[in-house]
Amino acid sequence: RMASSATGAAASAPTPSVYYVMMADGRSMMHPKKLQSLIENGELQGDTMVWADGMSGWKKVNDVPNLKQFLPEDDPSLSMGAAMRQAAETTQWYYLNAQQEQQGPFDPS
């Protein structure tokens, strides 16, 4: 029961009149309906950074209830595999040689 009331509270939060979206070519101001359309069409994913008046800072679409609801179920940012791939891409790998000396970083691919 508590989960449904929390979900209801999130769904009833006021929708900002404009969002700022972090795009590849910089920040873009966008009406919520346009943003919703881009999310639903898969042009923006759950890891896209957005900000609106009243938010404490830039957040991923995944972390904004008013927007997360529009993500398709197969959004790559929602999968554990995507998170693991991102971690692997940003992780530096090291190993210890026979003398217990640290070697690396090296590329595991």
N, C-alpha and C. Protein backbone atom coordinates (compact mmCIF):
# COMPACT_ATOMS: atom_id res chain seq x y z
N ARG A 1 0.82 -1.20 0.00
CA ARG A 1 0.00 0.00 0.00
C ARG A 1 0.86 1.26 0.00
N MET A 2 1.94 1.23 0.77
CA MET A 2 2.78 2.43 0.82
C MET A 2 3.39 2.72 -0.55
N ALA A 3 3.76 1.67 -1.30
CA ALA A 3 4.36 1.88 -2.61
C ALA A 3 3.39 2.57 -3.55
N SER A 4 2.11 2.18 -3.49
CA SER A 4 1.16 2.80 -4.40
C SER A 4 0.94 4.26 -4.06
N SER A 5 0.95 4.61 -2.78
CA SER A 5 0.77 6.01 -2.43
C SER A 5 2.00 6.83 -2.82
N ALA A 6 3.19 6.23 -2.70
CA ALA A 6 4.40 6.94 -3.12
C ALA A 6 4.39 7.14 -4.63
N THR A 7 3.95 6.13 -5.36
CA THR A 7 3.87 6.25 -6.81
C THR A 7 2.86 7.32 -7.19
N GLY A 8 1.74 7.36 -6.51
CA GLY A 8 0.73 8.37 -6.77
C GLY A 8 1.26 9.76 -6.51
N ALA A 9 2.05 9.91 -5.45
CA ALA A 9 2.62 11.21 -5.13
C ALA A 9 3.58 11.66 -6.23
N ALA A 10 4.40 10.71 -6.72
CA ALA A 10 5.35 11.05 -7.78
C ALA A 10 4.61 11.43 -9.05
N ALA A 11 3.55 10.69 -9.36
CA ALA A 11 2.82 10.94 -10.59
C ALA A 11 2.08 12.28 -10.53
N SER A 12 1.70 12.70 -9.30
CA SER A 12 0.95 13.94 -9.18
C SER A 12 1.85 15.17 -9.01
N ALA A 13 3.17 14.98 -9.01
CA ALA A 13 4.09 16.11 -8.90
C ALA A 13 3.88 17.02 -10.11
N PRO A 14 3.94 18.34 -9.90
CA PRO A 14 3.71 19.24 -11.03
C PRO A 14 4.79 19.08 -12.10
N THR A 15 4.37 19.14 -13.35
CA THR A 15 5.30 19.05 -14.47
C THR A 15 5.85 20.44 -14.76
N PRO A 16 7.18 20.56 -14.83
CA PRO A 16 7.76 21.87 -15.15
C PRO A 16 7.30 22.35 -16.53
N SER A 17 7.30 23.65 -16.73
CA SER A 17 6.88 24.20 -18.02
C SER A 17 7.98 24.06 -19.07
N VAL A 18 9.22 23.85 -18.64
CA VAL A 18 10.34 23.68 -19.57
C VAL A 18 11.43 22.86 -18.88
N TYR A 19 12.10 22.04 -19.67
CA TYR A 19 13.26 21.29 -19.20
C TYR A 19 14.48 21.74 -20.00
N TYR A 20 15.63 21.65 -19.38
CA TYR A 20 16.88 21.84 -20.08
C TYR A 20 17.48 20.45 -20.24
N VAL A 21 17.91 20.13 -21.44
CA VAL A 21 18.39 18.79 -21.75
C VAL A 21 19.83 18.89 -22.21
N MET A 22 20.70 18.03 -21.67
CA MET A 22 22.10 17.98 -22.07
C MET A 22 22.18 17.12 -23.33
N MET A 23 22.45 17.79 -24.45
CA MET A 23 22.55 17.12 -25.75
C MET A 23 24.02 17.04 -26.16
N ALA A 24 24.31 16.28 -27.19
CA ALA A 24 25.69 16.14 -27.67
C ALA A 24 26.28 17.48 -28.08
N ASP A 25 25.43 18.37 -28.60
CA ASP A 25 25.92 19.67 -29.05
C ASP A 25 25.69 20.79 -28.04
N GLY A 26 25.41 20.44 -26.80
CA GLY A 26 25.22 21.44 -25.74
C GLY A 26 23.86 21.31 -25.09
N ARG A 27 23.50 22.30 -24.31
CA ARG A 27 22.20 22.31 -23.62
C ARG A 27 21.11 22.82 -24.55
N SER A 28 19.93 22.23 -24.37
CA SER A 28 18.80 22.64 -25.19
C SER A 28 17.58 22.81 -24.28
N MET A 29 16.82 23.88 -24.48
CA MET A 29 15.59 24.11 -23.73
C MET A 29 14.47 23.38 -24.47
N MET A 30 13.61 22.65 -23.72
CA MET A 30 12.61 21.83 -24.37
C MET A 30 11.30 21.80 -23.59
N HIS A 31 10.20 21.89 -24.30
CA HIS A 31 8.88 21.76 -23.72
C HIS A 31 8.68 20.30 -23.28
N PRO A 32 8.01 20.05 -22.16
CA PRO A 32 7.83 18.68 -21.67
C PRO A 32 7.22 17.72 -22.70
N LYS A 33 6.28 18.18 -23.53
CA LYS A 33 5.66 17.30 -24.53
C LYS A 33 6.68 16.87 -25.59
N LYS A 34 7.56 17.78 -25.99
CA LYS A 34 8.61 17.46 -26.96
C LYS A 34 9.58 16.46 -26.35
N LEU A 35 9.95 16.70 -25.09
CA LEU A 35 10.85 15.80 -24.38
C LEU A 35 10.22 14.41 -24.26
N GLN A 36 8.96 14.36 -23.91
CA GLN A 36 8.23 13.09 -23.81
C GLN A 36 8.28 12.35 -25.15
N SER A 37 8.04 13.05 -26.23
CA SER A 37 8.06 12.43 -27.56
C SER A 37 9.44 11.86 -27.89
N LEU A 38 10.49 12.60 -27.60
CA LEU A 38 11.85 12.12 -27.87
C LEU A 38 12.20 10.90 -27.03
N ILE A 39 11.72 10.86 -25.80
CA ILE A 39 11.96 9.71 -24.92
C ILE A 39 11.20 8.50 -25.44
N GLU A 40 9.92 8.68 -25.74
CA GLU A 40 9.10 7.57 -26.22
C GLU A 40 9.61 7.00 -27.54
N ASN A 41 10.18 7.86 -28.39
CA ASN A 41 10.70 7.40 -29.68
C ASN A 41 12.11 6.82 -29.57
N GLY A 42 12.70 6.86 -28.38
CA GLY A 42 14.03 6.31 -28.19
C GLY A 42 15.15 7.23 -28.63
N GLU A 43 14.82 8.48 -28.99
CA GLU A 43 15.85 9.43 -29.39
C GLU A 43 16.65 9.93 -28.18
N LEU A 44 16.01 9.94 -27.02
CA LEU A 44 16.70 10.23 -25.76
C LEU A 44 16.51 9.02 -24.86
N GLN A 45 17.55 8.68 -24.11
CA GLN A 45 17.50 7.49 -23.26
C GLN A 45 17.51 7.89 -21.79
N GLY A 46 17.36 6.89 -20.95
CA GLY A 46 17.27 7.11 -19.51
C GLY A 46 18.50 7.74 -18.89
N ASP A 47 19.64 7.65 -19.57
CA ASP A 47 20.85 8.26 -19.01
C ASP A 47 21.07 9.69 -19.50
N THR A 48 20.11 10.24 -20.26
CA THR A 48 20.18 11.64 -20.70
C THR A 48 20.00 12.55 -19.48
N MET A 49 20.84 13.56 -19.37
CA MET A 49 20.79 14.48 -18.24
C MET A 49 19.80 15.61 -18.52
N VAL A 50 18.95 15.90 -17.52
CA VAL A 50 17.94 16.96 -17.64
C VAL A 50 17.93 17.80 -16.37
N TRP A 51 17.42 19.01 -16.50
CA TRP A 51 17.24 19.89 -15.36
C TRP A 51 16.02 20.76 -15.61
N ALA A 52 15.31 21.07 -14.53
CA ALA A 52 14.18 21.99 -14.59
C ALA A 52 14.16 22.80 -13.30
N ASP A 53 13.50 23.95 -13.35
CA ASP A 53 13.36 24.79 -12.17
C ASP A 53 12.74 23.96 -11.05
N GLY A 54 13.31 24.04 -9.88
CA GLY A 54 12.82 23.28 -8.74
C GLY A 54 13.61 22.01 -8.46
N MET A 55 14.42 21.56 -9.44
CA MET A 55 15.27 20.38 -9.23
C MET A 55 16.57 20.83 -8.56
N SER A 56 17.12 19.96 -7.72
CA SER A 56 18.34 20.31 -6.98
C SER A 56 19.57 20.34 -7.88
N GLY A 57 19.51 19.73 -9.03
CA GLY A 57 20.64 19.70 -9.95
C GLY A 57 20.28 18.86 -11.17
N TRP A 58 21.25 18.68 -12.06
CA TRP A 58 21.04 17.85 -13.25
C TRP A 58 20.82 16.41 -12.82
N LYS A 59 19.84 15.75 -13.44
CA LYS A 59 19.52 14.35 -13.12
C LYS A 59 19.32 13.58 -14.41
N LYS A 60 19.51 12.27 -14.31
CA LYS A 60 19.21 11.39 -15.44
C LYS A 60 17.70 11.26 -15.56
N VAL A 61 17.22 11.09 -16.78
CA VAL A 61 15.80 10.86 -17.01
C VAL A 61 15.30 9.73 -16.12
N ASN A 62 16.12 8.69 -15.94
CA ASN A 62 15.78 7.56 -15.06
C ASN A 62 15.41 8.00 -13.66
N ASP A 63 15.95 9.12 -13.21
CA ASP A 63 15.76 9.58 -11.83
C ASP A 63 14.68 10.65 -11.70
N VAL A 64 13.97 10.94 -12.77
CA VAL A 64 12.90 11.95 -12.76
C VAL A 64 11.58 11.24 -13.04
N PRO A 65 10.76 11.00 -11.99
CA PRO A 65 9.53 10.22 -12.17
C PRO A 65 8.62 10.74 -13.28
N ASN A 66 8.51 12.06 -13.44
CA ASN A 66 7.66 12.61 -14.50
C ASN A 66 8.13 12.21 -15.89
N LEU A 67 9.41 11.86 -16.03
CA LEU A 67 9.98 11.51 -17.33
C LEU A 67 10.24 10.01 -17.47
N LYS A 68 10.65 9.37 -16.39
CA LYS A 68 10.99 7.95 -16.43
C LYS A 68 9.82 7.11 -16.95
N GLN A 69 8.61 7.52 -16.64
CA GLN A 69 7.44 6.77 -17.05
C GLN A 69 7.31 6.66 -18.58
N PHE A 70 7.99 7.52 -19.33
CA PHE A 70 7.90 7.49 -20.78
C PHE A 70 8.98 6.63 -21.44
N LEU A 71 9.93 6.13 -20.64
CA LEU A 71 10.99 5.30 -21.21
C LEU A 71 10.41 3.97 -21.69
N PRO A 72 10.81 3.52 -22.89
CA PRO A 72 10.38 2.19 -23.33
C PRO A 72 11.01 1.13 -22.42
N GLU A 73 10.34 0.01 -22.29
CA GLU A 73 10.85 -1.05 -21.40
C GLU A 73 12.21 -1.56 -21.84
N ASP A 74 12.52 -1.45 -23.12
CA ASP A 74 13.81 -1.95 -23.61
C ASP A 74 14.89 -0.86 -23.67
N ASP A 75 14.67 0.26 -22.97
CA ASP A 75 15.67 1.33 -22.94
C ASP A 75 16.99 0.77 -22.43
N PRO A 76 18.08 0.94 -23.20
CA PRO A 76 19.36 0.35 -22.79
C PRO A 76 19.85 0.83 -21.43
N SER A 77 19.47 2.03 -21.04
CA SER A 77 19.95 2.55 -19.76
C SER A 77 19.31 1.85 -18.58
N LEU A 78 18.23 1.08 -18.82
CA LEU A 78 17.55 0.37 -17.74
C LEU A 78 18.14 -1.01 -17.48
N SER A 79 18.99 -1.49 -18.36
CA SER A 79 19.49 -2.85 -18.22
C SER A 79 20.77 -2.91 -17.40
N MET A 80 20.94 -4.00 -16.70
CA MET A 80 22.15 -4.21 -15.92
C MET A 80 23.34 -4.33 -16.85
N GLY A 81 23.13 -4.93 -18.02
CA GLY A 81 24.21 -5.07 -18.98
C GLY A 81 24.78 -3.73 -19.39
N ALA A 82 23.92 -2.73 -19.58
CA ALA A 82 24.39 -1.39 -19.96
C ALA A 82 25.24 -0.80 -18.84
N ALA A 83 24.80 -0.99 -17.62
CA ALA A 83 25.57 -0.46 -16.48
C ALA A 83 26.93 -1.15 -16.38
N MET A 84 26.94 -2.45 -16.62
CA MET A 84 28.20 -3.20 -16.55
C MET A 84 29.14 -2.79 -17.69
N ARG A 85 28.59 -2.59 -18.90
CA ARG A 85 29.42 -2.15 -20.03
C ARG A 85 30.02 -0.78 -19.74
N GLN A 86 29.21 0.12 -19.18
CA GLN A 86 29.71 1.46 -18.87
C GLN A 86 30.82 1.38 -17.83
N ALA A 87 30.63 0.55 -16.82
CA ALA A 87 31.66 0.39 -15.78
C ALA A 87 32.94 -0.18 -16.37
N ALA A 88 32.79 -1.16 -17.26
CA ALA A 88 33.97 -1.77 -17.88
C ALA A 88 34.72 -0.77 -18.75
N GLU A 89 33.98 0.13 -19.41
CA GLU A 89 34.62 1.12 -20.28
C GLU A 89 35.40 2.16 -19.48
N THR A 90 35.01 2.40 -18.25
CA THR A 90 35.66 3.44 -17.46
C THR A 90 36.60 2.88 -16.40
N THR A 91 36.70 1.56 -16.31
CA THR A 91 37.54 0.93 -15.30
C THR A 91 38.96 0.73 -15.82
N GLN A 92 39.93 1.02 -14.99
CA GLN A 92 41.32 0.72 -15.33
C GLN A 92 41.68 -0.59 -14.65
N TRP A 93 42.31 -1.49 -15.42
CA TRP A 93 42.66 -2.81 -14.92
C TRP A 93 44.16 -2.90 -14.64
N TYR A 94 44.48 -3.52 -13.51
CA TYR A 94 45.86 -3.74 -13.10
C TYR A 94 45.99 -5.21 -12.69
N TYR A 95 47.22 -5.70 -12.63
CA TYR A 95 47.46 -7.04 -12.12
C TYR A 95 48.79 -7.06 -11.38
N LEU A 96 49.00 -8.10 -10.61
CA LEU A 96 50.26 -8.28 -9.90
C LEU A 96 51.07 -9.34 -10.64
N ASN A 97 52.34 -9.04 -10.90
CA ASN A 97 53.19 -10.04 -11.55
C ASN A 97 53.71 -11.04 -10.52
N ALA A 98 54.58 -11.95 -10.94
CA ALA A 98 55.08 -13.01 -10.06
C ALA A 98 55.82 -12.44 -8.85
N GLN A 99 56.37 -11.24 -8.98
CA GLN A 99 57.09 -10.60 -7.87
C GLN A 99 56.15 -9.74 -7.02
N GLN A 100 54.84 -9.87 -7.27
CA GLN A 100 53.82 -9.11 -6.56
C GLN A 100 53.93 -7.60 -6.79
N GLU A 101 54.42 -7.23 -7.99
CA GLU A 101 54.50 -5.83 -8.38
C GLU A 101 53.29 -5.49 -9.25
N GLN A 102 52.72 -4.35 -8.98
CA GLN A 102 51.55 -3.92 -9.75
C GLN A 102 51.95 -3.56 -11.16
N GLN A 103 51.20 -4.07 -12.13
CA GLN A 103 51.42 -3.80 -13.55
C GLN A 103 50.15 -3.21 -14.13
N GLY A 104 50.29 -2.29 -15.06
CA GLY A 104 49.11 -1.74 -15.71
C GLY A 104 49.09 -0.24 -15.61
N PRO A 105 48.04 0.38 -16.03
CA PRO A 105 46.79 -0.25 -16.47
C PRO A 105 46.93 -0.90 -17.83
N PHE A 106 46.06 -1.85 -18.11
CA PHE A 106 46.05 -2.47 -19.42
C PHE A 106 44.63 -2.59 -19.93
N ASP A 107 44.51 -2.78 -21.24
CA ASP A 107 43.22 -2.87 -21.91
C ASP A 107 42.83 -4.35 -21.98
N PRO A 108 41.75 -4.75 -21.31
CA PRO A 108 41.37 -6.16 -21.29
C PRO A 108 40.74 -6.66 -22.59
N SER A 109 40.47 -5.77 -23.55
CA SER A 109 39.80 -6.24 -24.77
C SER A 109 40.76 -6.88 -25.75
